[in-house]
Amino acid sequence: MAKHKNYTTSVSLSNVARNKLIALANMEEITQKELLNKLIDKEIDQLNSKDKGIYAYILKAIEIKDEFRNPKCQFKLERK
């Protein structure tokens, strides 16, 4: 299966979580996006081996689902 391009999506946060994200990002002098990526990677690294396997399985399922959403992968069924 061909890899799809990395794209940006939006995430809904409470005002409190948003403000914390902004404050932490400013402290570390990085963007909010970079901080979220850093925090996610840190959480993944802390998973035990069983949970990392489950995580990898779920991530692969999401990637497959995204491939089907990609318009380049869709095809039209034609009546004859």
N, C-alpha and C. Protein backbone atom coordinates (compact mmCIF):
# COMPACT_ATOMS: atom_id res chain seq x y z
N MET A 1 0.84 -1.17 0.00
CA MET A 1 0.00 0.00 0.00
C MET A 1 0.89 1.24 0.00
N ALA A 2 0.60 2.18 -0.86
CA ALA A 2 1.40 3.40 -0.95
C ALA A 2 1.18 4.28 0.27
N LYS A 3 2.25 4.90 0.69
CA LYS A 3 2.13 5.80 1.83
C LYS A 3 1.46 7.09 1.38
N HIS A 4 0.55 7.59 2.21
CA HIS A 4 -0.10 8.84 1.89
C HIS A 4 0.72 9.99 2.47
N LYS A 5 0.50 11.18 1.94
CA LYS A 5 1.21 12.35 2.40
C LYS A 5 0.76 12.70 3.82
N ASN A 6 1.68 13.28 4.57
CA ASN A 6 1.36 13.76 5.90
C ASN A 6 0.49 15.01 5.75
N TYR A 7 -0.57 15.09 6.49
CA TYR A 7 -1.44 16.25 6.40
C TYR A 7 -1.79 16.72 7.80
N THR A 8 -2.28 17.94 7.89
CA THR A 8 -2.63 18.54 9.17
C THR A 8 -4.12 18.43 9.38
N THR A 9 -4.51 18.14 10.60
CA THR A 9 -5.91 18.06 10.97
C THR A 9 -6.12 18.91 12.22
N SER A 10 -7.34 19.25 12.52
CA SER A 10 -7.62 20.06 13.70
C SER A 10 -7.99 19.17 14.88
N VAL A 11 -7.75 19.69 16.07
CA VAL A 11 -8.07 18.99 17.30
C VAL A 11 -8.84 19.95 18.20
N SER A 12 -9.92 19.50 18.79
CA SER A 12 -10.68 20.34 19.71
C SER A 12 -10.13 20.18 21.12
N LEU A 13 -9.89 21.30 21.77
CA LEU A 13 -9.38 21.31 23.14
C LEU A 13 -10.26 22.22 23.98
N SER A 14 -10.32 21.94 25.26
CA SER A 14 -10.98 22.87 26.16
C SER A 14 -10.12 24.12 26.26
N ASN A 15 -10.68 25.21 26.73
CA ASN A 15 -9.91 26.45 26.89
C ASN A 15 -8.74 26.24 27.85
N VAL A 16 -8.98 25.47 28.89
CA VAL A 16 -7.93 25.21 29.88
C VAL A 16 -6.77 24.45 29.24
N ALA A 17 -7.09 23.39 28.50
CA ALA A 17 -6.04 22.61 27.84
C ALA A 17 -5.32 23.45 26.79
N ARG A 18 -6.08 24.26 26.06
CA ARG A 18 -5.48 25.14 25.05
C ARG A 18 -4.50 26.11 25.68
N ASN A 19 -4.90 26.72 26.78
CA ASN A 19 -4.02 27.68 27.46
C ASN A 19 -2.76 27.01 27.99
N LYS A 20 -2.90 25.79 28.51
CA LYS A 20 -1.73 25.04 28.99
C LYS A 20 -0.79 24.74 27.83
N LEU A 21 -1.36 24.34 26.69
CA LEU A 21 -0.56 24.04 25.51
C LEU A 21 0.21 25.27 25.05
N ILE A 22 -0.46 26.41 25.00
CA ILE A 22 0.18 27.65 24.58
C ILE A 22 1.31 28.02 25.54
N ALA A 23 1.05 27.92 26.85
CA ALA A 23 2.06 28.26 27.85
C ALA A 23 3.29 27.35 27.74
N LEU A 24 3.06 26.04 27.64
CA LEU A 24 4.18 25.10 27.52
C LEU A 24 4.98 25.32 26.23
N ALA A 25 4.27 25.55 25.14
CA ALA A 25 4.94 25.78 23.86
C ALA A 25 5.80 27.04 23.93
N ASN A 26 5.27 28.09 24.56
CA ASN A 26 6.04 29.32 24.70
C ASN A 26 7.26 29.12 25.57
N MET A 27 7.11 28.35 26.65
CA MET A 27 8.24 28.08 27.53
C MET A 27 9.35 27.35 26.79
N GLU A 28 8.98 26.38 25.97
CA GLU A 28 9.96 25.57 25.25
C GLU A 28 10.39 26.21 23.94
N GLU A 29 9.75 27.34 23.61
CA GLU A 29 10.05 28.08 22.38
C GLU A 29 9.90 27.20 21.14
N ILE A 30 8.79 26.45 21.10
CA ILE A 30 8.44 25.64 19.95
C ILE A 30 6.97 25.89 19.63
N THR A 31 6.54 25.43 18.46
CA THR A 31 5.13 25.63 18.10
C THR A 31 4.26 24.65 18.89
N GLN A 32 2.98 24.95 18.94
CA GLN A 32 2.04 24.05 19.61
C GLN A 32 2.02 22.69 18.92
N LYS A 33 2.12 22.70 17.60
CA LYS A 33 2.14 21.45 16.84
C LYS A 33 3.37 20.62 17.20
N GLU A 34 4.53 21.27 17.30
CA GLU A 34 5.76 20.57 17.67
C GLU A 34 5.66 20.01 19.08
N LEU A 35 5.05 20.79 19.99
CA LEU A 35 4.89 20.32 21.37
C LEU A 35 3.98 19.11 21.43
N LEU A 36 2.86 19.15 20.72
CA LEU A 36 1.96 17.99 20.71
C LEU A 36 2.65 16.75 20.17
N ASN A 37 3.42 16.91 19.09
CA ASN A 37 4.16 15.78 18.53
C ASN A 37 5.16 15.23 19.55
N LYS A 38 5.84 16.12 20.24
CA LYS A 38 6.82 15.72 21.25
C LYS A 38 6.14 14.96 22.40
N LEU A 39 5.00 15.47 22.86
CA LEU A 39 4.28 14.81 23.95
C LEU A 39 3.74 13.45 23.54
N ILE A 40 3.24 13.36 22.33
CA ILE A 40 2.73 12.08 21.82
C ILE A 40 3.85 11.06 21.73
N ASP A 41 5.00 11.48 21.17
CA ASP A 41 6.14 10.57 21.06
C ASP A 41 6.61 10.10 22.44
N LYS A 42 6.59 11.00 23.40
CA LYS A 42 6.99 10.65 24.77
C LYS A 42 6.04 9.60 25.36
N GLU A 43 4.76 9.78 25.14
CA GLU A 43 3.76 8.81 25.63
C GLU A 43 3.95 7.45 24.97
N ILE A 44 4.21 7.44 23.68
CA ILE A 44 4.41 6.17 22.96
C ILE A 44 5.64 5.45 23.50
N ASP A 45 6.71 6.20 23.72
CA ASP A 45 7.95 5.61 24.26
C ASP A 45 7.74 4.96 25.61
N GLN A 46 6.78 5.46 26.40
CA GLN A 46 6.54 4.94 27.75
C GLN A 46 5.62 3.72 27.78
N LEU A 47 5.06 3.34 26.63
CA LEU A 47 4.18 2.18 26.59
C LEU A 47 4.99 0.90 26.81
N ASN A 48 4.36 -0.08 27.47
CA ASN A 48 5.03 -1.38 27.59
C ASN A 48 4.91 -2.11 26.25
N SER A 49 5.61 -3.22 26.11
CA SER A 49 5.67 -3.90 24.81
C SER A 49 4.29 -4.36 24.33
N LYS A 50 3.46 -4.84 25.23
CA LYS A 50 2.12 -5.29 24.85
C LYS A 50 1.30 -4.11 24.32
N ASP A 51 1.35 -2.98 25.05
CA ASP A 51 0.60 -1.80 24.63
C ASP A 51 1.16 -1.21 23.34
N LYS A 52 2.47 -1.30 23.13
CA LYS A 52 3.06 -0.82 21.88
C LYS A 52 2.53 -1.65 20.71
N GLY A 53 2.34 -2.95 20.92
CA GLY A 53 1.78 -3.80 19.88
C GLY A 53 0.35 -3.41 19.55
N ILE A 54 -0.43 -3.16 20.59
CA ILE A 54 -1.83 -2.72 20.39
C ILE A 54 -1.85 -1.38 19.68
N TYR A 55 -0.98 -0.47 20.12
CA TYR A 55 -0.88 0.86 19.50
C TYR A 55 -0.55 0.72 18.01
N ALA A 56 0.42 -0.11 17.67
CA ALA A 56 0.83 -0.30 16.27
C ALA A 56 -0.33 -0.86 15.44
N TYR A 57 -1.09 -1.77 16.02
CA TYR A 57 -2.24 -2.38 15.33
C TYR A 57 -3.30 -1.32 15.05
N ILE A 58 -3.62 -0.50 16.05
CA ILE A 58 -4.63 0.56 15.89
C ILE A 58 -4.15 1.60 14.87
N LEU A 59 -2.88 1.99 14.97
CA LEU A 59 -2.33 2.98 14.05
C LEU A 59 -2.41 2.48 12.61
N LYS A 60 -2.08 1.22 12.39
CA LYS A 60 -2.14 0.65 11.04
C LYS A 60 -3.58 0.66 10.52
N ALA A 61 -4.54 0.35 11.37
CA ALA A 61 -5.95 0.36 10.97
C ALA A 61 -6.38 1.77 10.57
N ILE A 62 -5.92 2.77 11.31
CA ILE A 62 -6.25 4.16 10.99
C ILE A 62 -5.63 4.55 9.65
N GLU A 63 -4.39 4.14 9.41
CA GLU A 63 -3.72 4.45 8.15
C GLU A 63 -4.44 3.80 6.97
N ILE A 64 -4.90 2.57 7.15
CA ILE A 64 -5.65 1.89 6.09
C ILE A 64 -6.95 2.62 5.81
N LYS A 65 -7.65 3.02 6.88
CA LYS A 65 -8.90 3.77 6.72
C LYS A 65 -8.65 5.07 5.97
N ASP A 66 -7.56 5.76 6.31
CA ASP A 66 -7.23 7.01 5.63
C ASP A 66 -6.95 6.79 4.16
N GLU A 67 -6.34 5.66 3.82
CA GLU A 67 -6.07 5.36 2.41
C GLU A 67 -7.37 5.25 1.62
N PHE A 68 -8.40 4.68 2.22
CA PHE A 68 -9.69 4.56 1.53
C PHE A 68 -10.37 5.91 1.38
N ARG A 69 -10.07 6.84 2.27
CA ARG A 69 -10.63 8.19 2.17
C ARG A 69 -9.91 9.01 1.11
N ASN A 70 -8.70 8.61 0.75
CA ASN A 70 -7.90 9.34 -0.23
C ASN A 70 -8.59 9.22 -1.59
N PRO A 71 -8.92 10.36 -2.20
CA PRO A 71 -9.64 10.31 -3.49
C PRO A 71 -8.88 9.57 -4.58
N LYS A 72 -7.57 9.52 -4.52
CA LYS A 72 -6.79 8.82 -5.54
C LYS A 72 -7.01 7.32 -5.48
N CYS A 73 -7.43 6.82 -4.31
CA CYS A 73 -7.63 5.38 -4.14
C CYS A 73 -9.04 4.96 -4.48
N GLN A 74 -9.94 5.91 -4.62
CA GLN A 74 -11.33 5.56 -4.89
C GLN A 74 -11.53 5.29 -6.37
N PHE A 75 -12.47 4.44 -6.65
CA PHE A 75 -12.77 4.12 -8.04
C PHE A 75 -14.28 4.10 -8.20
N LYS A 76 -14.72 4.26 -9.42
CA LYS A 76 -16.15 4.31 -9.70
C LYS A 76 -16.59 2.96 -10.27
N LEU A 77 -17.72 2.50 -9.81
CA LEU A 77 -18.32 1.30 -10.39
C LEU A 77 -19.24 1.74 -11.52
N GLU A 78 -19.06 1.16 -12.65
CA GLU A 78 -19.85 1.54 -13.81
C GLU A 78 -20.85 0.44 -14.15
N ARG A 79 -22.03 0.84 -14.53
CA ARG A 79 -23.03 -0.12 -14.98
C ARG A 79 -22.79 -0.44 -16.43
N LYS A 80 -23.07 -1.67 -16.78
CA LYS A 80 -22.94 -2.05 -18.19
C LYS A 80 -24.29 -2.35 -18.78
